[in-house]
PDB file of N, CA and C in Angstrom:
ATOM      1  N   UNK A   1       0.838  -1.183   0.000  1.00  0.00           N
ATOM      2  CA  UNK A   1       0.000   0.000   0.000  1.00  0.00           C
ATOM      3  C   UNK A   1       0.886   1.251   0.000  1.00  0.00           C
ATOM      4  N   UNK A   2       0.450   2.269  -0.714  1.00  0.00           N
ATOM      5  CA  UNK A   2       1.216   3.496  -0.850  1.00  0.00           C
ATOM      6  C   UNK A   2       1.022   4.359   0.392  1.00  0.00           C
ATOM      7  N   UNK A   3       2.122   4.885   0.886  1.00  0.00           N
ATOM      8  CA  UNK A   3       2.019   5.710   2.090  1.00  0.00           C
ATOM      9  C   UNK A   3       1.486   7.099   1.763  1.00  0.00           C
ATOM     10  N   UNK A   4       0.912   7.733   2.733  1.00  0.00           N
ATOM     11  CA  UNK A   4       0.378   9.089   2.582  1.00  0.00           C
ATOM     12  C   UNK A   4       1.516  10.051   2.243  1.00  0.00           C
ATOM     13  N   UNK A   5       2.661   9.837   2.833  1.00  0.00           N
ATOM     14  CA  UNK A   5       3.821  10.702   2.589  1.00  0.00           C
ATOM     15  C   UNK A   5       4.226  10.660   1.101  1.00  0.00           C
ATOM     16  N   UNK A   6       4.214   9.477   0.492  1.00  0.00           N
ATOM     17  CA  UNK A   6       4.578   9.333  -0.913  1.00  0.00           C
ATOM     18  C   UNK A   6       3.557  10.034  -1.812  1.00  0.00           C
ATOM     19  N   UNK A   7       2.292   9.896  -1.498  1.00  0.00           N
ATOM     20  CA  UNK A   7       1.241  10.542  -2.283  1.00  0.00           C
ATOM     21  C   UNK A   7       1.381  12.057  -2.206  1.00  0.00           C
ATOM     22  N   UNK A   8       1.623  12.582  -1.038  1.00  0.00           N
ATOM     23  CA  UNK A   8       1.790  14.027  -0.848  1.00  0.00           C
ATOM     24  C   UNK A   8       2.995  14.525  -1.619  1.00  0.00           C
ATOM     25  N   UNK A   9       4.074  13.781  -1.614  1.00  0.00           N
ATOM     26  CA  UNK A   9       5.278  14.204  -2.333  1.00  0.00           C
ATOM     27  C   UNK A   9       5.037  14.211  -3.847  1.00  0.00           C
ATOM     28  N   UNK A  10       4.334  13.212  -4.359  1.00  0.00           N
ATOM     29  CA  UNK A  10       4.039  13.161  -5.795  1.00  0.00           C
ATOM     30  C   UNK A  10       3.139  14.326  -6.181  1.00  0.00           C
ATOM     31  N   UNK A  11       2.126  14.607  -5.391  1.00  0.00           N
ATOM     32  CA  UNK A  11       1.236  15.737  -5.662  1.00  0.00           C
ATOM     33  C   UNK A  11       1.983  17.065  -5.622  1.00  0.00           C
ATOM     34  N   UNK A  12       2.875  17.214  -4.666  1.00  0.00           N
ATOM     35  CA  UNK A  12       3.662  18.442  -4.564  1.00  0.00           C
ATOM     36  C   UNK A  12       4.563  18.607  -5.791  1.00  0.00           C
ATOM     37  N   UNK A  13       5.169  17.528  -6.239  1.00  0.00           N
ATOM     38  CA  UNK A  13       6.041  17.564  -7.412  1.00  0.00           C
ATOM     39  C   UNK A  13       5.245  17.914  -8.673  1.00  0.00           C
ATOM     40  N   UNK A  14       4.071  17.322  -8.836  1.00  0.00           N
ATOM     41  CA  UNK A  14       3.219  17.644  -9.977  1.00  0.00           C
ATOM     42  C   UNK A  14       2.807  19.110  -9.971  1.00  0.00           C
ATOM     43  N   UNK A  15       2.475  19.622  -8.806  1.00  0.00           N
ATOM     44  CA  UNK A  15       2.078  21.025  -8.682  1.00  0.00           C
ATOM     45  C   UNK A  15       3.213  21.946  -9.091  1.00  0.00           C
ATOM     46  N   UNK A  16       4.409  21.657  -8.648  1.00  0.00           N
ATOM     47  CA  UNK A  16       5.575  22.474  -8.999  1.00  0.00           C
ATOM     48  C   UNK A  16       5.825  22.422 -10.503  1.00  0.00           C
ATOM     49  N   UNK A  17       5.741  21.243 -11.101  1.00  0.00           N
ATOM     50  CA  UNK A  17       5.968  21.112 -12.547  1.00  0.00           C
ATOM     51  C   UNK A  17       4.927  21.877 -13.351  1.00  0.00           C
ATOM     52  N   UNK A  18       3.675  21.744 -12.995  1.00  0.00           N
ATOM     53  CA  UNK A  18       2.616  22.446 -13.710  1.00  0.00           C
ATOM     54  C   UNK A  18       2.740  23.956 -13.559  1.00  0.00           C
ATOM     55  N   UNK A  19       3.069  24.413 -12.391  1.00  0.00           N
ATOM     56  CA  UNK A  19       3.232  25.849 -12.149  1.00  0.00           C
ATOM     57  C   UNK A  19       4.422  26.392 -12.939  1.00  0.00           C
ATOM     58  N   UNK A  20       5.503  25.662 -12.988  1.00  0.00           N
ATOM     59  CA  UNK A  20       6.692  26.106 -13.726  1.00  0.00           C
ATOM     60  C   UNK A  20       6.393  26.207 -15.214  1.00  0.00           C
ATOM     61  N   UNK A  21       5.703  25.236 -15.779  1.00  0.00           N
ATOM     62  CA  UNK A  21       5.372  25.271 -17.205  1.00  0.00           C
ATOM     63  C   UNK A  21       4.432  26.421 -17.524  1.00  0.00           C
ATOM     64  N   UNK A  22       3.452  26.657 -16.679  1.00  0.00           N
ATOM     65  CA  UNK A  22       2.498  27.738 -16.907  1.00  0.00           C
ATOM     66  C   UNK A  22       3.183  29.090 -16.818  1.00  0.00           C
ATOM     67  N   UNK A  23       4.019  29.305 -15.830  1.00  0.00           N
ATOM     68  CA  UNK A  23       4.663  30.606 -15.684  1.00  0.00           C
ATOM     69  C   UNK A  23       5.679  30.845 -16.792  1.00  0.00           C
ATOM     70  N   UNK A  24       6.335  29.801 -17.272  1.00  0.00           N
ATOM     71  CA  UNK A  24       7.282  29.963 -18.370  1.00  0.00           C
ATOM     72  C   UNK A  24       6.555  30.356 -19.646  1.00  0.00           C
ATOM     73  N   UNK A  25       5.421  29.734 -19.908  1.00  0.00           N
ATOM     74  CA  UNK A  25       4.635  30.079 -21.098  1.00  0.00           C
ATOM     75  C   UNK A  25       4.088  31.491 -20.972  1.00  0.00           C
ATOM     76  N   UNK A  26       3.595  31.843 -19.812  1.00  0.00           N
ATOM     77  CA  UNK A  26       3.001  33.162 -19.604  1.00  0.00           C
ATOM     78  C   UNK A  26       4.041  34.268 -19.723  1.00  0.00           C
ATOM     79  N   UNK A  27       5.266  33.982 -19.359  1.00  0.00           N
ATOM     80  CA  UNK A  27       6.334  34.983 -19.414  1.00  0.00           C
ATOM     81  C   UNK A  27       6.574  35.448 -20.855  1.00  0.00           C
ATOM     82  N   UNK A  28       6.355  34.568 -21.824  1.00  0.00           N
ATOM     83  CA  UNK A  28       6.568  34.914 -23.227  1.00  0.00           C
ATOM     84  C   UNK A  28       5.339  35.528 -23.880  1.00  0.00           C
ATOM     85  N   UNK A  29       4.263  35.678 -23.129  1.00  0.00           N
ATOM     86  CA  UNK A  29       3.024  36.227 -23.669  1.00  0.00           C
ATOM     87  C   UNK A  29       3.036  37.753 -23.655  1.00  0.00           C
ATOM     88  N   UNK A  30       2.296  38.318 -24.606  1.00  0.00           N
ATOM     89  CA  UNK A  30       2.013  39.750 -24.566  1.00  0.00           C
ATOM     90  C   UNK A  30       0.920  39.958 -23.528  1.00  0.00           C
ATOM     91  N   UNK A  31       1.150  40.844 -22.611  1.00  0.00           N
ATOM     92  CA  UNK A  31       0.142  41.117 -21.581  1.00  0.00           C
ATOM     93  C   UNK A  31      -0.575  42.434 -21.827  1.00  0.00           C
ATOM     94  N   UNK A  32       0.066  43.308 -22.608  1.00  0.00           N
ATOM     95  CA  UNK A  32      -0.551  44.593 -22.961  1.00  0.00           C
ATOM     96  C   UNK A  32      -0.012  45.028 -24.308  1.00  0.00           C
ATOM     97  N   UNK A  33      -0.724  45.943 -24.912  1.00  0.00           N
ATOM     98  CA  UNK A  33      -0.371  46.403 -26.247  1.00  0.00           C
ATOM     99  C   UNK A  33       0.545  47.625 -26.191  1.00  0.00           C
ATOM    100  N   UNK A  34       1.364  47.759 -27.217  1.00  0.00           N
ATOM    101  CA  UNK A  34       2.207  48.937 -27.322  1.00  0.00           C
ATOM    102  C   UNK A  34       1.338  50.159 -27.627  1.00  0.00           C
ATOM    103  N   UNK A  35       1.850  51.315 -27.284  1.00  0.00           N
ATOM    104  CA  UNK A  35       1.180  52.574 -27.606  1.00  0.00           C
ATOM    105  C   UNK A  35       1.884  53.139 -28.840  1.00  0.00           C
ATOM    106  N   UNK A  36       1.113  53.685 -29.757  1.00  0.00           N
ATOM    107  CA  UNK A  36       1.701  54.211 -30.983  1.00  0.00           C
ATOM    108  C   UNK A  36       1.654  53.173 -32.070  1.00  0.00           C
ATOM    109  N   UNK A  37       2.426  53.398 -33.126  1.00  0.00           N
ATOM    110  CA  UNK A  37       2.448  52.440 -34.219  1.00  0.00           C
ATOM    111  C   UNK A  37       3.841  52.311 -34.791  1.00  0.00           C
ATOM    112  N   UNK A  38       4.061  51.241 -35.494  1.00  0.00           N
ATOM    113  CA  UNK A  38       5.352  50.975 -36.112  1.00  0.00           C
ATOM    114  C   UNK A  38       5.316  51.381 -37.582  1.00  0.00           C
ATOM    115  N   UNK A  39       6.471  51.729 -38.105  1.00  0.00           N
ATOM    116  CA  UNK A  39       6.580  51.940 -39.552  1.00  0.00           C
ATOM    117  C   UNK A  39       6.656  50.562 -40.209  1.00  0.00           C
ATOM    118  N   UNK A  40       6.012  50.438 -41.342  1.00  0.00           N
ATOM    119  CA  UNK A  40       6.033  49.149 -42.042  1.00  0.00           C
ATOM    120  C   UNK A  40       7.454  48.722 -42.381  1.00  0.00           C
ATOM    121  N   UNK A  41       8.316  49.679 -42.645  1.00  0.00           N
ATOM    122  CA  UNK A  41       9.697  49.341 -43.000  1.00  0.00           C
ATOM    123  C   UNK A  41      10.465  48.721 -41.826  1.00  0.00           C
ATOM    124  N   UNK A  42       9.997  48.945 -40.586  1.00  0.00           N
ATOM    125  CA  UNK A  42      10.660  48.370 -39.418  1.00  0.00           C
ATOM    126  C   UNK A  42      10.203  46.947 -39.117  1.00  0.00           C
ATOM    127  N   UNK A  43       9.082  46.536 -39.711  1.00  0.00           N
ATOM    128  CA  UNK A  43       8.494  45.229 -39.408  1.00  0.00           C
ATOM    129  C   UNK A  43       9.112  44.174 -40.327  1.00  0.00           C
ATOM    130  N   UNK A  44       9.679  43.144 -39.717  1.00  0.00           N
ATOM    131  CA  UNK A  44      10.326  42.072 -40.476  1.00  0.00           C
ATOM    132  C   UNK A  44       9.448  40.822 -40.574  1.00  0.00           C
ATOM    133  N   UNK A  45       8.497  40.679 -39.688  1.00  0.00           N
ATOM    134  CA  UNK A  45       7.613  39.522 -39.679  1.00  0.00           C
ATOM    135  C   UNK A  45       6.613  39.664 -38.540  1.00  0.00           C
ATOM    136  N   UNK A  46       5.777  38.645 -38.383  1.00  0.00           N
ATOM    137  CA  UNK A  46       4.800  38.695 -37.302  1.00  0.00           C
ATOM    138  C   UNK A  46       4.406  37.292 -36.874  1.00  0.00           C
ATOM    139  N   UNK A  47       3.828  37.207 -35.704  1.00  0.00           N
ATOM    140  CA  UNK A  47       3.219  35.966 -35.225  1.00  0.00           C
ATOM    141  C   UNK A  47       1.915  36.338 -34.527  1.00  0.00           C
ATOM    142  N   UNK A  48       1.090  35.328 -34.333  1.00  0.00           N
ATOM    143  CA  UNK A  48      -0.233  35.547 -33.745  1.00  0.00           C
ATOM    144  C   UNK A  48      -0.288  34.881 -32.379  1.00  0.00           C
ATOM    145  N   UNK A  49      -0.784  35.609 -31.403  1.00  0.00           N
ATOM    146  CA  UNK A  49      -0.986  35.077 -30.057  1.00  0.00           C
ATOM    147  C   UNK A  49      -2.483  35.041 -29.784  1.00  0.00           C
ATOM    148  N   UNK A  50      -2.956  33.904 -29.311  1.00  0.00           N
ATOM    149  CA  UNK A  50      -4.374  33.792 -28.959  1.00  0.00           C
ATOM    150  C   UNK A  50      -4.527  33.438 -27.492  1.00  0.00           C
ATOM    151  N   UNK A  51      -5.673  33.755 -26.951  1.00  0.00           N
ATOM    152  CA  UNK A  51      -5.925  33.446 -25.543  1.00  0.00           C
ATOM    153  C   UNK A  51      -5.958  31.946 -25.311  1.00  0.00           C
ATOM    154  N   UNK A  52      -6.142  31.171 -26.346  1.00  0.00           N
ATOM    155  CA  UNK A  52      -6.165  29.715 -26.218  1.00  0.00           C
ATOM    156  C   UNK A  52      -4.785  29.154 -25.892  1.00  0.00           C
ATOM    157  N   UNK A  53      -3.741  29.927 -26.075  1.00  0.00           N
ATOM    158  CA  UNK A  53      -2.364  29.480 -25.841  1.00  0.00           C
ATOM    159  C   UNK A  53      -1.881  29.837 -24.440  1.00  0.00           C
ATOM    160  N   UNK A  54      -2.787  29.901 -23.492  1.00  0.00           N
ATOM    161  CA  UNK A  54      -2.459  30.212 -22.095  1.00  0.00           C
ATOM    162  C   UNK A  54      -1.974  31.646 -21.915  1.00  0.00           C
ATOM    163  N   UNK A  55      -2.309  32.502 -22.828  1.00  0.00           N
ATOM    164  CA  UNK A  55      -1.944  33.909 -22.727  1.00  0.00           C
ATOM    165  C   UNK A  55      -3.202  34.716 -22.416  1.00  0.00           C
ATOM    166  N   UNK A  56      -3.051  35.842 -21.729  1.00  0.00           N
ATOM    167  CA  UNK A  56      -4.232  36.578 -21.267  1.00  0.00           C
ATOM    168  C   UNK A  56      -4.963  37.387 -22.328  1.00  0.00           C
ATOM    169  N   UNK A  57      -4.370  37.558 -23.506  1.00  0.00           N
ATOM    170  CA  UNK A  57      -4.995  38.419 -24.508  1.00  0.00           C
ATOM    171  C   UNK A  57      -4.599  38.008 -25.920  1.00  0.00           C
ATOM    172  N   UNK A  58      -5.452  38.302 -26.882  1.00  0.00           N
ATOM    173  CA  UNK A  58      -5.103  38.108 -28.286  1.00  0.00           C
ATOM    174  C   UNK A  58      -4.172  39.239 -28.713  1.00  0.00           C
ATOM    175  N   UNK A  59      -3.216  38.920 -29.565  1.00  0.00           N
ATOM    176  CA  UNK A  59      -2.285  39.956 -30.026  1.00  0.00           C
ATOM    177  C   UNK A  59      -1.642  39.549 -31.348  1.00  0.00           C
ATOM    178  N   UNK A  60      -1.247  40.552 -32.111  1.00  0.00           N
ATOM    179  CA  UNK A  60      -0.353  40.356 -33.242  1.00  0.00           C
ATOM    180  C   UNK A  60       1.012  40.818 -32.742  1.00  0.00           C
ATOM    181  N   UNK A  61       1.994  39.943 -32.829  1.00  0.00           N
ATOM    182  CA  UNK A  61       3.345  40.266 -32.367  1.00  0.00           C
ATOM    183  C   UNK A  61       4.198  40.549 -33.600  1.00  0.00           C
ATOM    184  N   UNK A  62       4.586  41.813 -33.755  1.00  0.00           N
ATOM    185  CA  UNK A  62       5.450  42.174 -34.872  1.00  0.00           C
ATOM    186  C   UNK A  62       6.900  41.987 -34.450  1.00  0.00           C
ATOM    187  N   UNK A  63       7.693  41.409 -35.355  1.00  0.00           N
ATOM    188  CA  UNK A  63       9.111  41.188 -35.106  1.00  0.00           C
ATOM    189  C   UNK A  63       9.900  42.264 -35.844  1.00  0.00           C
ATOM    190  N   UNK A  64      10.749  42.965 -35.101  1.00  0.00           N
ATOM    191  CA  UNK A  64      11.562  44.034 -35.665  1.00  0.00           C
ATOM    192  C   UNK A  64      13.025  43.758 -35.334  1.00  0.00           C
ATOM    193  N   UNK A  65      13.911  44.592 -35.849  1.00  0.00           N
ATOM    194  CA  UNK A  65      15.331  44.452 -35.512  1.00  0.00           C
ATOM    195  C   UNK A  65      15.565  44.625 -34.013  1.00  0.00           C
ATOM    196  N   UNK A  66      14.720  45.428 -33.377  1.00  0.00           N
ATOM    197  CA  UNK A  66      14.891  45.718 -31.952  1.00  0.00           C
ATOM    198  C   UNK A  66      14.193  44.716 -31.040  1.00  0.00           C
ATOM    199  N   UNK A  67      13.425  43.803 -31.611  1.00  0.00           N
ATOM    200  CA  UNK A  67      12.731  42.827 -30.776  1.00  0.00           C
ATOM    201  C   UNK A  67      11.286  42.671 -31.198  1.00  0.00           C
ATOM    202  N   UNK A  68      10.433  42.417 -30.211  1.00  0.00           N
ATOM    203  CA  UNK A  68       9.027  42.201 -30.538  1.00  0.00           C
ATOM    204  C   UNK A  68       8.171  43.356 -30.054  1.00  0.00           C
ATOM    205  N   UNK A  69       7.048  43.550 -30.743  1.00  0.00           N
ATOM    206  CA  UNK A  69       6.094  44.598 -30.378  1.00  0.00           C
ATOM    207  C   UNK A  69       4.712  43.967 -30.343  1.00  0.00           C
ATOM    208  N   UNK A  70       4.070  44.030 -29.199  1.00  0.00           N
ATOM    209  CA  UNK A  70       2.738  43.466 -29.020  1.00  0.00           C
ATOM    210  C   UNK A  70       1.699  44.499 -29.433  1.00  0.00           C
ATOM    211  N   UNK A  71       0.847  44.123 -30.399  1.00  0.00           N
ATOM    212  CA  UNK A  71      -0.121  45.081 -30.922  1.00  0.00           C
ATOM    213  C   UNK A  71      -1.532  44.512 -30.880  1.00  0.00           C
ATOM    214  N   UNK A  72      -2.486  45.426 -30.911  1.00  0.00           N
ATOM    215  CA  UNK A  72      -3.902  45.095 -30.828  1.00  0.00           C
ATOM    216  C   UNK A  72      -4.426  44.726 -32.218  1.00  0.00           C
ATOM    217  N   UNK A  73      -4.895  43.482 -32.409  1.00  0.00           N
ATOM    218  CA  UNK A  73      -5.383  43.075 -33.727  1.00  0.00           C
ATOM    219  C   UNK A  73      -6.671  43.790 -34.150  1.00  0.00           C
ATOM    220  N   UNK A  74      -7.298  44.519 -33.253  1.00  0.00           N
ATOM    221  CA  UNK A  74      -8.516  45.259 -33.596  1.00  0.00           C
ATOM    222  C   UNK A  74      -8.212  46.594 -34.280  1.00  0.00           C
ATOM    223  N   UNK A  75      -6.943  47.020 -34.257  1.00  0.00           N
ATOM    224  CA  UNK A  75      -6.582  48.294 -34.882  1.00  0.00           C
ATOM    225  C   UNK A  75      -6.350  48.125 -36.375  1.00  0.00           C
ATOM    226  N   UNK A  76      -6.845  49.070 -37.149  1.00  0.00           N
ATOM    227  CA  UNK A  76      -6.741  49.000 -38.613  1.00  0.00           C
ATOM    228  C   UNK A  76      -5.288  48.959 -39.078  1.00  0.00           C
ATOM    229  N   UNK A  77      -4.424  49.793 -38.516  1.00  0.00           N
ATOM    230  CA  UNK A  77      -3.039  49.828 -38.985  1.00  0.00           C
ATOM    231  C   UNK A  77      -2.335  48.487 -38.767  1.00  0.00           C
ATOM    232  N   UNK A  78      -2.722  47.784 -37.707  1.00  0.00           N
ATOM    233  CA  UNK A  78      -2.111  46.480 -37.418  1.00  0.00           C
ATOM    234  C   UNK A  78      -2.482  45.482 -38.514  1.00  0.00           C
ATOM    235  N   UNK A  79      -3.761  45.407 -38.840  1.00  0.00           N
ATOM    236  CA  UNK A  79      -4.202  44.468 -39.863  1.00  0.00           C
ATOM    237  C   UNK A  79      -3.730  44.881 -41.256  1.00  0.00           C
ATOM    238  N   UNK A  80      -3.580  46.182 -41.494  1.00  0.00           N
ATOM    239  CA  UNK A  80      -3.006  46.649 -42.764  1.00  0.00           C
ATOM    240  C   UNK A  80      -1.558  46.163 -42.897  1.00  0.00           C
ATOM    241  N   UNK A  81      -0.815  46.233 -41.804  1.00  0.00           N
ATOM    242  CA  UNK A  81       0.581  45.774 -41.819  1.00  0.00           C
ATOM    243  C   UNK A  81       0.650  44.260 -42.035  1.00  0.00           C
ATOM    244  N   UNK A  82      -0.256  43.513 -41.414  1.00  0.00           N
ATOM    245  CA  UNK A  82      -0.312  42.064 -41.614  1.00  0.00           C
ATOM    246  C   UNK A  82      -0.623  41.756 -43.084  1.00  0.00           C
ATOM    247  N   UNK A  83      -1.594  42.459 -43.648  1.00  0.00           N
ATOM    248  CA  UNK A  83      -1.935  42.268 -45.067  1.00  0.00           C
ATOM    249  C   UNK A  83      -0.739  42.570 -45.970  1.00  0.00           C
ATOM    250  N   UNK A  84      -0.003  43.621 -45.649  1.00  0.00           N
ATOM    251  CA  UNK A  84       1.188  43.987 -46.431  1.00  0.00           C
ATOM    252  C   UNK A  84       2.219  42.844 -46.393  1.00  0.00           C
ATOM    253  N   UNK A  85       2.433  42.279 -45.214  1.00  0.00           N
ATOM    254  CA  UNK A  85       3.396  41.182 -45.092  1.00  0.00           C
ATOM    255  C   UNK A  85       2.919  39.939 -45.843  1.00  0.00           C
ATOM    256  N   UNK A  86       1.628  39.658 -45.777  1.00  0.00           N
ATOM    257  CA  UNK A  86       1.084  38.505 -46.508  1.00  0.00           C
ATOM    258  C   UNK A  86       1.253  38.682 -48.017  1.00  0.00           C
ATOM    259  N   UNK A  87       0.951  39.875 -48.510  1.00  0.00           N
ATOM    260  CA  UNK A  87       1.100  40.160 -49.939  1.00  0.00           C
ATOM    261  C   UNK A  87       2.551  40.003 -50.367  1.00  0.00           C
ATOM    262  N   UNK A  88       3.445  40.511 -49.553  1.00  0.00           N
ATOM    263  CA  UNK A  88       4.881  40.406 -49.835  1.00  0.00           C
ATOM    264  C   UNK A  88       5.308  38.932 -49.886  1.00  0.00           C
ATOM    265  N   UNK A  89       4.810  38.132 -48.948  1.00  0.00           N
ATOM    266  CA  UNK A  89       5.147  36.704 -48.907  1.00  0.00           C
ATOM    267  C   UNK A  89       4.582  35.975 -50.124  1.00  0.00           C
ATOM    268  N   UNK A  90       3.379  36.333 -50.559  1.00  0.00           N
ATOM    269  CA  UNK A  90       2.782  35.710 -51.738  1.00  0.00           C
ATOM    270  C   UNK A  90       3.608  36.002 -52.991  1.00  0.00           C
ATOM    271  N   UNK A  91       4.090  37.231 -53.113  1.00  0.00           N
ATOM    272  CA  UNK A  91       4.914  37.596 -54.266  1.00  0.00           C
ATOM    273  C   UNK A  91       6.209  36.790 -54.282  1.00  0.00           C
ATOM    274  N   UNK A  92       6.821  36.622 -53.131  1.00  0.00           N
ATOM    275  CA  UNK A  92       8.056  35.838 -53.038  1.00  0.00           C
ATOM    276  C   UNK A  92       7.762  34.387 -53.419  1.00  0.00           C
ATOM    277  N   UNK A  93       6.655  33.853 -52.928  1.00  0.00           N
ATOM    278  CA  UNK A  93       6.273  32.476 -53.239  1.00  0.00           C
ATOM    279  C   UNK A  93       6.033  32.297 -54.738  1.00  0.00           C
ATOM    280  N   UNK A  94       5.303  33.215 -55.342  1.00  0.00           N
ATOM    281  CA  UNK A  94       5.021  33.125 -56.778  1.00  0.00           C
ATOM    282  C   UNK A  94       6.307  33.196 -57.593  1.00  0.00           C
ATOM    283  N   UNK A  95       7.193  34.088 -57.203  1.00  0.00           N
ATOM    284  CA  UNK A  95       8.475  34.239 -57.908  1.00  0.00           C
ATOM    285  C   UNK A  95       9.299  32.951 -57.788  1.00  0.00           C
ATOM    286  N   UNK A  96       9.336  32.368 -56.595  1.00  0.00           N
ATOM    287  CA  UNK A  96      10.093  31.128 -56.381  1.00  0.00           C
ATOM    288  C   UNK A  96       9.490  29.973 -57.154  1.00  0.00           C
ATOM    289  N   UNK A  97       8.157  29.917 -57.195  1.00  0.00           N
ATOM    290  CA  UNK A  97       7.482  28.832 -57.934  1.00  0.00           C
ATOM    291  C   UNK A  97       7.771  28.916 -59.411  1.00  0.00           C
ATOM    292  N   UNK A  98       7.810  30.127 -59.971  1.00  0.00           N
ATOM    293  CA  UNK A  98       8.072  30.291 -61.395  1.00  0.00           C
ATOM    294  C   UNK A  98       9.506  29.909 -61.746  1.00  0.00           C
ATOM    295  N   UNK A  99      10.437  30.162 -60.848  1.00  0.00           N
ATOM    296  CA  UNK A  99      11.832  29.822 -61.118  1.00  0.00           C
ATOM    297  C   UNK A  99      12.070  28.319 -61.104  1.00  0.00           C
ATOM    298  N   UNK A 100      11.277  27.582 -60.337  1.00  0.00           N
ATOM    299  CA  UNK A 100      11.482  26.138 -60.221  1.00  0.00           C
ATOM    300  C   UNK A 100      10.859  25.366 -61.381  1.00  0.00           C
ATOM    301  N   UNK A 101      10.058  26.014 -62.208  1.00  0.00           N
ATOM    302  CA  UNK A 101       9.408  25.316 -63.344  1.00  0.00           C
ATOM    303  C   UNK A 101      10.355  25.089 -64.477  1.00  0.00           C
TER     304      UNK A 101
END
């Protein structure tokens, strides 16, 4: 039979592991949006953060030479910048596809 002490130790270890994983994931999340806007020329790429990923808010994360910028996906300029990057990526893809034929 399993002792109470062993059960308590296993539960404590599981709690520590779960807490560590959650806090590590949360540390990389955007918690608030930047104020102002970025120039399109400064934006090198983007990623999407959703609340489903253990983060407190939805965000578009723009990647720049200086790091990341957390932005509000409800703002028009943010989605315009995302559209610009998508269009740019499509052009690169089309150009690459034509060269491989």
